[in-house]
């Protein structure tokens, strides 16, 4: 029973360390120009990907040239 308590205690300490690390890191923005340009490029790419792979776009594409499913 003591081993189980030690296990959960170590698990809780590990989780707390991860939480503290993530909270301290935060979502700080980059301060130099190169970092800002990279962030802008990634943001625009993410926006483009969200529009390209949106559920309605993906599921409403035709399977064949005439829009009907091809038989295997």
PDB file of N, CA and C in Angstrom:
ATOM      1  N   UNK A   1       0.823  -1.189   0.000  1.00  0.00           N
ATOM      2  CA  UNK A   1       0.000   0.000   0.000  1.00  0.00           C
ATOM      3  C   UNK A   1       0.869   1.255   0.000  1.00  0.00           C
ATOM      4  N   UNK A   2       1.979   1.185   0.710  1.00  0.00           N
ATOM      5  CA  UNK A   2       2.884   2.335   0.762  1.00  0.00           C
ATOM      6  C   UNK A   2       3.501   2.582  -0.611  1.00  0.00           C
ATOM      7  N   UNK A   3       3.795   1.494  -1.330  1.00  0.00           N
ATOM      8  CA  UNK A   3       4.382   1.645  -2.664  1.00  0.00           C
ATOM      9  C   UNK A   3       3.407   2.350  -3.601  1.00  0.00           C
ATOM     10  N   UNK A   4       2.139   2.052  -3.453  1.00  0.00           N
ATOM     11  CA  UNK A   4       1.126   2.707  -4.279  1.00  0.00           C
ATOM     12  C   UNK A   4       1.040   4.197  -3.951  1.00  0.00           C
ATOM     13  N   UNK A   5       1.134   4.526  -2.680  1.00  0.00           N
ATOM     14  CA  UNK A   5       1.131   5.934  -2.261  1.00  0.00           C
ATOM     15  C   UNK A   5       2.340   6.677  -2.800  1.00  0.00           C
ATOM     16  N   UNK A   6       3.504   6.028  -2.753  1.00  0.00           N
ATOM     17  CA  UNK A   6       4.721   6.640  -3.297  1.00  0.00           C
ATOM     18  C   UNK A   6       4.578   6.833  -4.800  1.00  0.00           C
ATOM     19  N   UNK A   7       4.030   5.844  -5.480  1.00  0.00           N
ATOM     20  CA  UNK A   7       3.847   5.943  -6.930  1.00  0.00           C
ATOM     21  C   UNK A   7       2.959   7.129  -7.293  1.00  0.00           C
ATOM     22  N   UNK A   8       1.799   7.241  -6.621  1.00  0.00           N
ATOM     23  CA  UNK A   8       0.897   8.352  -6.920  1.00  0.00           C
ATOM     24  C   UNK A   8       1.494   9.690  -6.496  1.00  0.00           C
ATOM     25  N   UNK A   9       2.277   9.695  -5.441  1.00  0.00           N
ATOM     26  CA  UNK A   9       2.953  10.924  -5.022  1.00  0.00           C
ATOM     27  C   UNK A   9       3.947  11.393  -6.068  1.00  0.00           C
ATOM     28  N   UNK A  10       4.752  10.462  -6.588  1.00  0.00           N
ATOM     29  CA  UNK A  10       5.710  10.818  -7.639  1.00  0.00           C
ATOM     30  C   UNK A  10       4.996  11.249  -8.914  1.00  0.00           C
ATOM     31  N   UNK A  11       3.900  10.597  -9.217  1.00  0.00           N
ATOM     32  CA  UNK A  11       3.112  10.974 -10.388  1.00  0.00           C
ATOM     33  C   UNK A  11       2.565  12.397 -10.229  1.00  0.00           C
ATOM     34  N   UNK A  12       2.075  12.726  -9.044  1.00  0.00           N
ATOM     35  CA  UNK A  12       1.548  14.068  -8.786  1.00  0.00           C
ATOM     36  C   UNK A  12       2.655  15.115  -8.874  1.00  0.00           C
ATOM     37  N   UNK A  13       3.840  14.795  -8.360  1.00  0.00           N
ATOM     38  CA  UNK A  13       4.968  15.731  -8.446  1.00  0.00           C
ATOM     39  C   UNK A  13       5.346  15.962  -9.903  1.00  0.00           C
ATOM     40  N   UNK A  14       5.359  14.910 -10.701  1.00  0.00           N
ATOM     41  CA  UNK A  14       5.672  15.058 -12.124  1.00  0.00           C
ATOM     42  C   UNK A  14       4.658  15.925 -12.844  1.00  0.00           C
ATOM     43  N   UNK A  15       3.389  15.715 -12.544  1.00  0.00           N
ATOM     44  CA  UNK A  15       2.330  16.521 -13.170  1.00  0.00           C
ATOM     45  C   UNK A  15       2.458  17.979 -12.751  1.00  0.00           C
ATOM     46  N   UNK A  16       2.731  18.228 -11.495  1.00  0.00           N
ATOM     47  CA  UNK A  16       2.900  19.603 -11.026  1.00  0.00           C
ATOM     48  C   UNK A  16       4.093  20.278 -11.695  1.00  0.00           C
ATOM     49  N   UNK A  17       5.178  19.542 -11.881  1.00  0.00           N
ATOM     50  CA  UNK A  17       6.348  20.109 -12.571  1.00  0.00           C
ATOM     51  C   UNK A  17       6.004  20.476 -14.008  1.00  0.00           C
ATOM     52  N   UNK A  18       5.261  19.622 -14.686  1.00  0.00           N
ATOM     53  CA  UNK A  18       4.850  19.928 -16.056  1.00  0.00           C
ATOM     54  C   UNK A  18       3.935  21.146 -16.106  1.00  0.00           C
ATOM     55  N   UNK A  19       3.014  21.243 -15.175  1.00  0.00           N
ATOM     56  CA  UNK A  19       2.099  22.386 -15.144  1.00  0.00           C
ATOM     57  C   UNK A  19       2.870  23.678 -14.904  1.00  0.00           C
ATOM     58  N   UNK A  20       3.785  23.658 -13.950  1.00  0.00           N
ATOM     59  CA  UNK A  20       4.581  24.856 -13.659  1.00  0.00           C
ATOM     60  C   UNK A  20       5.406  25.255 -14.871  1.00  0.00           C
ATOM     61  N   UNK A  21       5.998  24.286 -15.551  1.00  0.00           N
ATOM     62  CA  UNK A  21       6.800  24.584 -16.738  1.00  0.00           C
ATOM     63  C   UNK A  21       5.950  25.222 -17.823  1.00  0.00           C
ATOM     64  N   UNK A  22       4.772  24.684 -18.077  1.00  0.00           N
ATOM     65  CA  UNK A  22       3.906  25.232 -19.121  1.00  0.00           C
ATOM     66  C   UNK A  22       3.367  26.609 -18.759  1.00  0.00           C
ATOM     67  N   UNK A  23       3.041  26.827 -17.506  1.00  0.00           N
ATOM     68  CA  UNK A  23       2.525  28.131 -17.090  1.00  0.00           C
ATOM     69  C   UNK A  23       3.627  29.185 -17.165  1.00  0.00           C
ATOM     70  N   UNK A  24       4.831  28.830 -16.762  1.00  0.00           N
ATOM     71  CA  UNK A  24       5.934  29.791 -16.818  1.00  0.00           C
ATOM     72  C   UNK A  24       6.307  30.138 -18.240  1.00  0.00           C
ATOM     73  N   UNK A  25       6.217  29.166 -19.143  1.00  0.00           N
ATOM     74  CA  UNK A  25       6.556  29.420 -20.538  1.00  0.00           C
ATOM     75  C   UNK A  25       5.549  30.380 -21.145  1.00  0.00           C
ATOM     76  N   UNK A  26       4.268  30.149 -20.877  1.00  0.00           N
ATOM     77  CA  UNK A  26       3.221  31.028 -21.374  1.00  0.00           C
ATOM     78  C   UNK A  26       3.149  31.047 -22.881  1.00  0.00           C
ATOM     79  N   UNK A  27       2.454  32.019 -23.394  1.00  0.00           N
ATOM     80  CA  UNK A  27       2.353  32.165 -24.839  1.00  0.00           C
ATOM     81  C   UNK A  27       3.015  33.473 -25.239  1.00  0.00           C
ATOM     82  N   UNK A  28       4.219  33.657 -24.771  1.00  0.00           N
ATOM     83  CA  UNK A  28       4.949  34.883 -25.068  1.00  0.00           C
ATOM     84  C   UNK A  28       5.225  35.027 -26.548  1.00  0.00           C
ATOM     85  N   UNK A  29       5.149  36.254 -27.006  1.00  0.00           N
ATOM     86  CA  UNK A  29       5.374  36.520 -28.415  1.00  0.00           C
ATOM     87  C   UNK A  29       6.859  36.732 -28.659  1.00  0.00           C
ATOM     88  N   UNK A  30       7.250  36.533 -29.889  1.00  0.00           N
ATOM     89  CA  UNK A  30       8.629  36.737 -30.289  1.00  0.00           C
ATOM     90  C   UNK A  30       8.898  38.229 -30.401  1.00  0.00           C
ATOM     91  N   UNK A  31      10.109  38.635 -30.103  1.00  0.00           N
ATOM     92  CA  UNK A  31      10.408  40.059 -30.098  1.00  0.00           C
ATOM     93  C   UNK A  31      11.219  40.508 -31.303  1.00  0.00           C
ATOM     94  N   UNK A  32      11.872  39.594 -32.015  1.00  0.00           N
ATOM     95  CA  UNK A  32      12.660  40.039 -33.159  1.00  0.00           C
ATOM     96  C   UNK A  32      11.853  39.900 -34.444  1.00  0.00           C
ATOM     97  N   UNK A  33      12.324  40.539 -35.502  1.00  0.00           N
ATOM     98  CA  UNK A  33      11.579  40.597 -36.757  1.00  0.00           C
ATOM     99  C   UNK A  33      11.452  39.222 -37.395  1.00  0.00           C
ATOM    100  N   UNK A  34      12.516  38.433 -37.362  1.00  0.00           N
ATOM    101  CA  UNK A  34      12.463  37.105 -37.980  1.00  0.00           C
ATOM    102  C   UNK A  34      11.411  36.233 -37.306  1.00  0.00           C
ATOM    103  N   UNK A  35      11.361  36.288 -35.991  1.00  0.00           N
ATOM    104  CA  UNK A  35      10.370  35.504 -35.266  1.00  0.00           C
ATOM    105  C   UNK A  35       8.954  35.938 -35.582  1.00  0.00           C
ATOM    106  N   UNK A  36       8.757  37.256 -35.704  1.00  0.00           N
ATOM    107  CA  UNK A  36       7.424  37.759 -36.047  1.00  0.00           C
ATOM    108  C   UNK A  36       7.013  37.328 -37.442  1.00  0.00           C
ATOM    109  N   UNK A  37       7.953  37.340 -38.377  1.00  0.00           N
ATOM    110  CA  UNK A  37       7.644  36.896 -39.738  1.00  0.00           C
ATOM    111  C   UNK A  37       7.314  35.409 -39.770  1.00  0.00           C
ATOM    112  N   UNK A  38       8.040  34.620 -38.993  1.00  0.00           N
ATOM    113  CA  UNK A  38       7.764  33.182 -38.924  1.00  0.00           C
ATOM    114  C   UNK A  38       6.380  32.949 -38.329  1.00  0.00           C
ATOM    115  N   UNK A  39       6.052  33.679 -37.248  1.00  0.00           N
ATOM    116  CA  UNK A  39       4.726  33.538 -36.641  1.00  0.00           C
ATOM    117  C   UNK A  39       3.627  33.915 -37.624  1.00  0.00           C
ATOM    118  N   UNK A  40       3.840  34.995 -38.380  1.00  0.00           N
ATOM    119  CA  UNK A  40       2.837  35.425 -39.352  1.00  0.00           C
ATOM    120  C   UNK A  40       2.658  34.377 -40.442  1.00  0.00           C
ATOM    121  N   UNK A  41       3.763  33.811 -40.922  1.00  0.00           N
ATOM    122  CA  UNK A  41       3.687  32.784 -41.962  1.00  0.00           C
ATOM    123  C   UNK A  41       2.954  31.548 -41.448  1.00  0.00           C
ATOM    124  N   UNK A  42       3.259  31.124 -40.241  1.00  0.00           N
ATOM    125  CA  UNK A  42       2.591  29.950 -39.658  1.00  0.00           C
ATOM    126  C   UNK A  42       1.099  30.210 -39.462  1.00  0.00           C
ATOM    127  N   UNK A  43       0.759  31.430 -39.020  1.00  0.00           N
ATOM    128  CA  UNK A  43      -0.644  31.774 -38.807  1.00  0.00           C
ATOM    129  C   UNK A  43      -1.413  31.756 -40.121  1.00  0.00           C
ATOM    130  N   UNK A  44      -0.820  32.314 -41.170  1.00  0.00           N
ATOM    131  CA  UNK A  44      -1.473  32.314 -42.477  1.00  0.00           C
ATOM    132  C   UNK A  44      -1.598  30.899 -43.037  1.00  0.00           C
ATOM    133  N   UNK A  45      -0.569  30.070 -42.818  1.00  0.00           N
ATOM    134  CA  UNK A  45      -0.627  28.685 -43.283  1.00  0.00           C
ATOM    135  C   UNK A  45      -1.711  27.910 -42.538  1.00  0.00           C
ATOM    136  N   UNK A  46      -1.825  28.140 -41.231  1.00  0.00           N
ATOM    137  CA  UNK A  46      -2.868  27.469 -40.451  1.00  0.00           C
ATOM    138  C   UNK A  46      -4.250  27.899 -40.927  1.00  0.00           C
ATOM    139  N   UNK A  47      -4.417  29.179 -41.225  1.00  0.00           N
ATOM    140  CA  UNK A  47      -5.701  29.668 -41.746  1.00  0.00           C
ATOM    141  C   UNK A  47      -6.024  29.005 -43.080  1.00  0.00           C
ATOM    142  N   UNK A  48      -5.029  28.916 -43.942  1.00  0.00           N
ATOM    143  CA  UNK A  48      -5.226  28.282 -45.244  1.00  0.00           C
ATOM    144  C   UNK A  48      -5.575  26.803 -45.088  1.00  0.00           C
ATOM    145  N   UNK A  49      -4.886  26.115 -44.183  1.00  0.00           N
ATOM    146  CA  UNK A  49      -5.158  24.694 -43.955  1.00  0.00           C
ATOM    147  C   UNK A  49      -6.563  24.480 -43.401  1.00  0.00           C
ATOM    148  N   UNK A  50      -6.999  25.367 -42.496  1.00  0.00           N
ATOM    149  CA  UNK A  50      -8.353  25.230 -41.948  1.00  0.00           C
ATOM    150  C   UNK A  50      -9.398  25.372 -43.042  1.00  0.00           C
ATOM    151  N   UNK A  51      -9.156  26.258 -43.998  1.00  0.00           N
ATOM    152  CA  UNK A  51     -10.112  26.428 -45.094  1.00  0.00           C
ATOM    153  C   UNK A  51     -10.020  25.292 -46.100  1.00  0.00           C
ATOM    154  N   UNK A  52      -8.825  24.791 -46.359  1.00  0.00           N
ATOM    155  CA  UNK A  52      -8.638  23.739 -47.347  1.00  0.00           C
ATOM    156  C   UNK A  52      -9.199  22.405 -46.865  1.00  0.00           C
ATOM    157  N   UNK A  53      -8.975  22.084 -45.595  1.00  0.00           N
ATOM    158  CA  UNK A  53      -9.354  20.774 -45.076  1.00  0.00           C
ATOM    159  C   UNK A  53     -10.585  20.840 -44.177  1.00  0.00           C
ATOM    160  N   UNK A  54     -11.432  21.840 -44.357  1.00  0.00           N
ATOM    161  CA  UNK A  54     -12.671  21.963 -43.598  1.00  0.00           C
ATOM    162  C   UNK A  54     -13.579  20.776 -43.933  1.00  0.00           C
ATOM    163  N   UNK A  55     -14.365  20.343 -42.989  1.00  0.00           N
ATOM    164  CA  UNK A  55     -15.188  19.146 -43.155  1.00  0.00           C
ATOM    165  C   UNK A  55     -16.122  19.230 -44.356  1.00  0.00           C
ATOM    166  N   UNK A  56     -16.785  20.361 -44.531  1.00  0.00           N
ATOM    167  CA  UNK A  56     -17.723  20.459 -45.650  1.00  0.00           C
ATOM    168  C   UNK A  56     -17.000  20.452 -46.983  1.00  0.00           C
ATOM    169  N   UNK A  57     -15.802  20.995 -47.021  1.00  0.00           N
ATOM    170  CA  UNK A  57     -15.038  20.994 -48.270  1.00  0.00           C
ATOM    171  C   UNK A  57     -14.573  19.581 -48.601  1.00  0.00           C
ATOM    172  N   UNK A  58     -14.086  18.880 -47.597  1.00  0.00           N
ATOM    173  CA  UNK A  58     -13.549  17.538 -47.818  1.00  0.00           C
ATOM    174  C   UNK A  58     -14.652  16.559 -48.204  1.00  0.00           C
ATOM    175  N   UNK A  59     -15.800  16.637 -47.554  1.00  0.00           N
ATOM    176  CA  UNK A  59     -16.854  15.653 -47.785  1.00  0.00           C
ATOM    177  C   UNK A  59     -17.753  15.980 -48.971  1.00  0.00           C
ATOM    178  N   UNK A  60     -17.617  17.138 -49.570  1.00  0.00           N
ATOM    179  CA  UNK A  60     -18.451  17.497 -50.709  1.00  0.00           C
ATOM    180  C   UNK A  60     -17.684  17.488 -52.024  1.00  0.00           C
ATOM    181  N   UNK A  61     -16.494  16.908 -52.043  1.00  0.00           N
ATOM    182  CA  UNK A  61     -15.736  16.845 -53.286  1.00  0.00           C
ATOM    183  C   UNK A  61     -16.213  15.659 -54.109  1.00  0.00           C
ATOM    184  N   UNK A  62     -16.253  15.803 -55.415  1.00  0.00           N
ATOM    185  CA  UNK A  62     -16.679  14.684 -56.266  1.00  0.00           C
ATOM    186  C   UNK A  62     -15.626  13.581 -56.282  1.00  0.00           C
ATOM    187  N   UNK A  63     -16.091  12.344 -56.380  1.00  0.00           N
ATOM    188  CA  UNK A  63     -15.172  11.210 -56.400  1.00  0.00           C
ATOM    189  C   UNK A  63     -14.659  10.937 -57.801  1.00  0.00           C
ATOM    190  N   UNK A  64     -15.498  11.135 -58.781  1.00  0.00           N
ATOM    191  CA  UNK A  64     -15.105  10.909 -60.169  1.00  0.00           C
ATOM    192  C   UNK A  64     -15.155  12.212 -60.938  1.00  0.00           C
ATOM    193  N   UNK A  65     -14.886  12.148 -62.205  1.00  0.00           N
ATOM    194  CA  UNK A  65     -14.911  13.359 -63.012  1.00  0.00           C
ATOM    195  C   UNK A  65     -16.314  13.918 -63.152  1.00  0.00           C
ATOM    196  N   UNK A  66     -17.318  13.044 -63.165  1.00  0.00           N
ATOM    197  CA  UNK A  66     -18.690  13.509 -63.323  1.00  0.00           C
ATOM    198  C   UNK A  66     -19.395  13.694 -61.979  1.00  0.00           C
ATOM    199  N   UNK A  67     -18.671  13.571 -60.869  1.00  0.00           N
ATOM    200  CA  UNK A  67     -19.256  13.801 -59.564  1.00  0.00           C
ATOM    201  C   UNK A  67     -19.874  12.579 -58.934  1.00  0.00           C
ATOM    202  N   UNK A  68     -19.890  11.453 -59.629  1.00  0.00           N
ATOM    203  CA  UNK A  68     -20.450  10.229 -59.051  1.00  0.00           C
ATOM    204  C   UNK A  68     -19.318   9.346 -58.547  1.00  0.00           C
ATOM    205  N   UNK A  69     -19.655   8.476 -57.633  1.00  0.00           N
ATOM    206  CA  UNK A  69     -18.651   7.542 -57.132  1.00  0.00           C
ATOM    207  C   UNK A  69     -18.318   6.513 -58.188  1.00  0.00           C
ATOM    208  N   UNK A  70     -17.064   6.182 -58.251  1.00  0.00           N
ATOM    209  CA  UNK A  70     -16.639   5.139 -59.181  1.00  0.00           C
ATOM    210  C   UNK A  70     -16.832   3.785 -58.527  1.00  0.00           C
ATOM    211  N   UNK A  71     -17.256   2.846 -59.303  1.00  0.00           N
ATOM    212  CA  UNK A  71     -17.427   1.485 -58.793  1.00  0.00           C
ATOM    213  C   UNK A  71     -16.086   0.767 -58.854  1.00  0.00           C
ATOM    214  N   UNK A  72     -15.711   0.059 -57.796  1.00  0.00           N
ATOM    215  CA  UNK A  72     -14.414  -0.661 -57.804  1.00  0.00           C
ATOM    216  C   UNK A  72     -14.420  -1.852 -58.730  1.00  0.00           C
TER     217      UNK A  72
END
